[in-house]
Amino acid sequence: MPIASLQDLQVFREALEAADAVSAILNRPATARDFKLGSQLSGASAAVAAQIAEGYGQLTDRHFAHYLAIARGTANELQAHLAVARGRGYLNEGEWRAL
């Protein structure tokens, strides 16, 4: 299936879903009190989708690939922050694995 819009990219849709799931975790009272970790989670979760979108708007596949690589790094950063949140009891094992 040809990609006609950003919304056609499954990776973009999944990045938005992950950002929504992280936002739900951030609304929990315990997580909301951990300002620094919350800020890191919020920023990284939003940045993954934003980087994919920015890359999609580039003129060449090479530039798009560059932004996808950045998004992958940010997704890894997000995983690390989620592991810390799990360790602090802000989400359970099942939620962590799903994200």
N, C-alpha and C. Protein backbone atom coordinates (compact mmCIF):
# COMPACT_ATOMS: atom_id res chain seq x y z
N MET A 1 0.85 -1.17 0.00
CA MET A 1 0.00 0.00 0.00
C MET A 1 0.90 1.24 0.00
N PRO A 2 0.69 2.14 -0.92
CA PRO A 2 1.51 3.34 -0.96
C PRO A 2 1.21 4.26 0.23
N ILE A 3 2.22 4.98 0.65
CA ILE A 3 2.08 5.91 1.75
C ILE A 3 1.69 7.28 1.17
N ALA A 4 0.46 7.68 1.44
CA ALA A 4 -0.04 8.94 0.89
C ALA A 4 -0.01 10.07 1.92
N SER A 5 0.06 9.70 3.20
CA SER A 5 0.07 10.72 4.25
C SER A 5 0.81 10.18 5.47
N LEU A 6 1.13 11.06 6.35
CA LEU A 6 1.81 10.69 7.58
C LEU A 6 1.00 9.66 8.36
N GLN A 7 -0.32 9.80 8.35
CA GLN A 7 -1.19 8.88 9.08
C GLN A 7 -1.13 7.46 8.54
N ASP A 8 -0.65 7.29 7.31
CA ASP A 8 -0.51 5.95 6.74
C ASP A 8 0.66 5.18 7.32
N LEU A 9 1.55 5.86 8.02
CA LEU A 9 2.72 5.20 8.60
C LEU A 9 2.34 4.55 9.94
N GLN A 10 2.40 3.24 9.98
CA GLN A 10 2.04 2.52 11.20
C GLN A 10 2.91 2.95 12.38
N VAL A 11 4.19 3.17 12.12
CA VAL A 11 5.10 3.57 13.20
C VAL A 11 4.67 4.91 13.80
N PHE A 12 4.17 5.80 12.98
CA PHE A 12 3.68 7.09 13.49
C PHE A 12 2.45 6.89 14.36
N ARG A 13 1.50 6.09 13.88
CA ARG A 13 0.28 5.83 14.66
C ARG A 13 0.62 5.18 16.00
N GLU A 14 1.56 4.24 15.99
CA GLU A 14 1.95 3.57 17.24
C GLU A 14 2.67 4.53 18.19
N ALA A 15 3.45 5.44 17.64
CA ALA A 15 4.13 6.44 18.48
C ALA A 15 3.10 7.33 19.17
N LEU A 16 2.04 7.70 18.46
CA LEU A 16 0.98 8.50 19.06
C LEU A 16 0.24 7.72 20.15
N GLU A 17 -0.02 6.44 19.89
CA GLU A 17 -0.67 5.60 20.90
C GLU A 17 0.19 5.48 22.15
N ALA A 18 1.48 5.32 21.97
CA ALA A 18 2.39 5.23 23.11
C ALA A 18 2.39 6.55 23.90
N ALA A 19 2.39 7.66 23.19
CA ALA A 19 2.37 8.96 23.86
C ALA A 19 1.08 9.13 24.68
N ASP A 20 -0.03 8.65 24.14
CA ASP A 20 -1.30 8.71 24.88
C ASP A 20 -1.23 7.83 26.13
N ALA A 21 -0.64 6.64 26.00
CA ALA A 21 -0.52 5.74 27.14
C ALA A 21 0.38 6.34 28.22
N VAL A 22 1.46 6.97 27.80
CA VAL A 22 2.35 7.62 28.77
C VAL A 22 1.62 8.77 29.45
N SER A 23 0.83 9.52 28.71
CA SER A 23 0.06 10.62 29.32
C SER A 23 -0.88 10.11 30.40
N ALA A 24 -1.49 8.95 30.16
CA ALA A 24 -2.38 8.37 31.17
C ALA A 24 -1.60 8.02 32.44
N ILE A 25 -0.40 7.52 32.27
CA ILE A 25 0.45 7.20 33.42
C ILE A 25 0.84 8.48 34.17
N LEU A 26 1.11 9.53 33.42
CA LEU A 26 1.52 10.79 34.03
C LEU A 26 0.40 11.44 34.83
N ASN A 27 -0.83 11.09 34.54
CA ASN A 27 -1.98 11.65 35.27
C ASN A 27 -2.22 10.96 36.61
N ARG A 28 -1.50 9.90 36.87
CA ARG A 28 -1.65 9.22 38.16
C ARG A 28 -0.99 10.07 39.25
N PRO A 29 -1.62 10.10 40.44
CA PRO A 29 -1.09 10.97 41.50
C PRO A 29 0.39 10.73 41.83
N ALA A 30 0.80 9.51 41.98
CA ALA A 30 2.20 9.23 42.34
C ALA A 30 3.16 9.72 41.26
N THR A 31 2.82 9.46 40.03
CA THR A 31 3.67 9.88 38.92
C THR A 31 3.68 11.40 38.80
N ALA A 32 2.54 12.02 39.01
CA ALA A 32 2.44 13.47 38.89
C ALA A 32 3.34 14.18 39.90
N ARG A 33 3.62 13.54 41.03
CA ARG A 33 4.48 14.16 42.04
C ARG A 33 5.97 14.06 41.68
N ASP A 34 6.31 13.15 40.79
CA ASP A 34 7.72 12.97 40.38
C ASP A 34 7.96 13.85 39.15
N PHE A 35 8.16 15.13 39.40
CA PHE A 35 8.20 16.13 38.33
C PHE A 35 9.29 15.85 37.30
N LYS A 36 10.48 15.52 37.77
CA LYS A 36 11.59 15.34 36.83
C LYS A 36 11.35 14.15 35.91
N LEU A 37 10.99 13.01 36.49
CA LEU A 37 10.73 11.83 35.66
C LEU A 37 9.52 12.08 34.76
N GLY A 38 8.50 12.72 35.29
CA GLY A 38 7.32 13.03 34.48
C GLY A 38 7.66 13.90 33.29
N SER A 39 8.52 14.87 33.51
CA SER A 39 8.94 15.74 32.41
C SER A 39 9.71 14.95 31.36
N GLN A 40 10.58 14.05 31.80
CA GLN A 40 11.35 13.23 30.87
C GLN A 40 10.43 12.31 30.07
N LEU A 41 9.48 11.69 30.74
CA LEU A 41 8.53 10.80 30.06
C LEU A 41 7.67 11.58 29.06
N SER A 42 7.18 12.71 29.48
CA SER A 42 6.33 13.52 28.62
C SER A 42 7.09 13.98 27.37
N GLY A 43 8.27 14.50 27.57
CA GLY A 43 9.06 15.01 26.45
C GLY A 43 9.46 13.93 25.47
N ALA A 44 9.95 12.81 25.99
CA ALA A 44 10.40 11.73 25.11
C ALA A 44 9.23 11.11 24.36
N SER A 45 8.10 10.92 25.04
CA SER A 45 6.98 10.27 24.36
C SER A 45 6.44 11.14 23.23
N ALA A 46 6.42 12.44 23.43
CA ALA A 46 5.95 13.35 22.38
C ALA A 46 6.98 13.47 21.26
N ALA A 47 8.25 13.41 21.61
CA ALA A 47 9.31 13.61 20.63
C ALA A 47 9.38 12.50 19.59
N VAL A 48 9.06 11.28 19.96
CA VAL A 48 9.16 10.17 19.00
C VAL A 48 8.25 10.44 17.80
N ALA A 49 6.99 10.72 18.05
CA ALA A 49 6.06 11.00 16.95
C ALA A 49 6.46 12.27 16.20
N ALA A 50 6.92 13.27 16.93
CA ALA A 50 7.31 14.52 16.28
C ALA A 50 8.49 14.33 15.34
N GLN A 51 9.44 13.51 15.74
CA GLN A 51 10.60 13.27 14.88
C GLN A 51 10.22 12.47 13.63
N ILE A 52 9.32 11.53 13.79
CA ILE A 52 8.84 10.79 12.63
C ILE A 52 8.13 11.74 11.67
N ALA A 53 7.30 12.61 12.22
CA ALA A 53 6.57 13.57 11.39
C ALA A 53 7.53 14.53 10.69
N GLU A 54 8.53 15.01 11.41
CA GLU A 54 9.49 15.92 10.80
C GLU A 54 10.25 15.23 9.67
N GLY A 55 10.64 13.99 9.90
CA GLY A 55 11.34 13.23 8.87
C GLY A 55 10.48 12.97 7.65
N TYR A 56 9.21 12.70 7.88
CA TYR A 56 8.30 12.45 6.76
C TYR A 56 8.22 13.66 5.84
N GLY A 57 8.39 14.84 6.39
CA GLY A 57 8.31 16.06 5.61
C GLY A 57 9.60 16.41 4.87
N GLN A 58 10.63 15.62 5.03
CA GLN A 58 11.90 15.90 4.35
C GLN A 58 11.81 15.53 2.87
N LEU A 59 12.74 16.04 2.10
CA LEU A 59 12.68 15.88 0.65
C LEU A 59 13.27 14.58 0.14
N THR A 60 14.11 13.93 0.93
CA THR A 60 14.75 12.70 0.44
C THR A 60 14.56 11.57 1.44
N ASP A 61 14.66 10.35 0.93
CA ASP A 61 14.58 9.18 1.80
C ASP A 61 15.73 9.16 2.81
N ARG A 62 16.89 9.65 2.37
CA ARG A 62 18.04 9.68 3.27
C ARG A 62 17.77 10.57 4.47
N HIS A 63 17.19 11.74 4.23
CA HIS A 63 16.86 12.64 5.35
C HIS A 63 15.78 12.02 6.24
N PHE A 64 14.80 11.39 5.61
CA PHE A 64 13.75 10.72 6.38
C PHE A 64 14.37 9.64 7.27
N ALA A 65 15.28 8.86 6.72
CA ALA A 65 15.94 7.80 7.49
C ALA A 65 16.70 8.39 8.67
N HIS A 66 17.30 9.54 8.47
CA HIS A 66 18.03 10.19 9.56
C HIS A 66 17.08 10.51 10.73
N TYR A 67 15.93 11.07 10.42
CA TYR A 67 14.97 11.39 11.48
C TYR A 67 14.39 10.13 12.12
N LEU A 68 14.23 9.08 11.34
CA LEU A 68 13.77 7.82 11.92
C LEU A 68 14.80 7.27 12.90
N ALA A 69 16.08 7.43 12.58
CA ALA A 69 17.14 6.99 13.49
C ALA A 69 17.10 7.80 14.79
N ILE A 70 16.86 9.08 14.67
CA ILE A 70 16.73 9.92 15.87
C ILE A 70 15.52 9.47 16.69
N ALA A 71 14.40 9.21 16.02
CA ALA A 71 13.19 8.75 16.71
C ALA A 71 13.44 7.43 17.43
N ARG A 72 14.21 6.54 16.79
CA ARG A 72 14.54 5.25 17.43
C ARG A 72 15.35 5.49 18.71
N GLY A 73 16.30 6.40 18.65
CA GLY A 73 17.08 6.72 19.85
C GLY A 73 16.21 7.28 20.95
N THR A 74 15.29 8.14 20.58
CA THR A 74 14.37 8.72 21.58
C THR A 74 13.44 7.66 22.13
N ALA A 75 13.02 6.71 21.30
CA ALA A 75 12.19 5.61 21.79
C ALA A 75 12.96 4.78 22.80
N ASN A 76 14.26 4.58 22.56
CA ASN A 76 15.09 3.86 23.54
C ASN A 76 15.20 4.64 24.84
N GLU A 77 15.34 5.95 24.72
CA GLU A 77 15.36 6.81 25.92
C GLU A 77 14.05 6.67 26.69
N LEU A 78 12.94 6.68 25.96
CA LEU A 78 11.63 6.52 26.60
C LEU A 78 11.54 5.18 27.32
N GLN A 79 12.05 4.13 26.70
CA GLN A 79 12.04 2.82 27.37
C GLN A 79 12.81 2.85 28.68
N ALA A 80 13.92 3.55 28.70
CA ALA A 80 14.71 3.65 29.93
C ALA A 80 13.93 4.39 31.01
N HIS A 81 13.27 5.49 30.64
CA HIS A 81 12.48 6.24 31.62
C HIS A 81 11.30 5.39 32.13
N LEU A 82 10.70 4.62 31.23
CA LEU A 82 9.60 3.75 31.65
C LEU A 82 10.09 2.66 32.60
N ALA A 83 11.30 2.17 32.38
CA ALA A 83 11.87 1.16 33.29
C ALA A 83 12.08 1.76 34.67
N VAL A 84 12.53 3.01 34.73
CA VAL A 84 12.68 3.70 36.01
C VAL A 84 11.30 3.86 36.67
N ALA A 85 10.30 4.26 35.89
CA ALA A 85 8.95 4.42 36.42
C ALA A 85 8.41 3.09 36.96
N ARG A 86 8.69 2.01 36.25
CA ARG A 86 8.28 0.68 36.73
C ARG A 86 8.98 0.38 38.05
N GLY A 87 10.27 0.66 38.11
CA GLY A 87 11.02 0.41 39.34
C GLY A 87 10.52 1.21 40.52
N ARG A 88 9.98 2.37 40.25
CA ARG A 88 9.43 3.22 41.31
C ARG A 88 7.98 2.89 41.63
N GLY A 89 7.42 1.91 40.93
CA GLY A 89 6.06 1.48 41.20
C GLY A 89 4.97 2.30 40.55
N TYR A 90 5.32 3.10 39.54
CA TYR A 90 4.34 3.94 38.88
C TYR A 90 3.54 3.20 37.82
N LEU A 91 4.05 2.07 37.36
CA LEU A 91 3.32 1.21 36.44
C LEU A 91 3.71 -0.23 36.71
N ASN A 92 2.81 -1.13 36.36
CA ASN A 92 3.08 -2.53 36.64
C ASN A 92 3.82 -3.18 35.46
N GLU A 93 4.20 -4.41 35.66
CA GLU A 93 4.98 -5.15 34.65
C GLU A 93 4.22 -5.25 33.32
N GLY A 94 2.92 -5.53 33.39
CA GLY A 94 2.14 -5.65 32.15
C GLY A 94 2.08 -4.34 31.37
N GLU A 95 1.89 -3.23 32.08
CA GLU A 95 1.86 -1.93 31.41
C GLU A 95 3.22 -1.63 30.79
N TRP A 96 4.27 -1.92 31.53
CA TRP A 96 5.61 -1.66 31.03
C TRP A 96 5.89 -2.46 29.77
N ARG A 97 5.52 -3.72 29.79
CA ARG A 97 5.75 -4.58 28.60
C ARG A 97 4.92 -4.11 27.40
N ALA A 98 3.70 -3.68 27.66
CA ALA A 98 2.84 -3.20 26.58
C ALA A 98 3.40 -1.96 25.91
N LEU A 99 4.01 -1.11 26.70
CA LEU A 99 4.60 0.11 26.14
C LEU A 99 5.94 -0.19 25.51
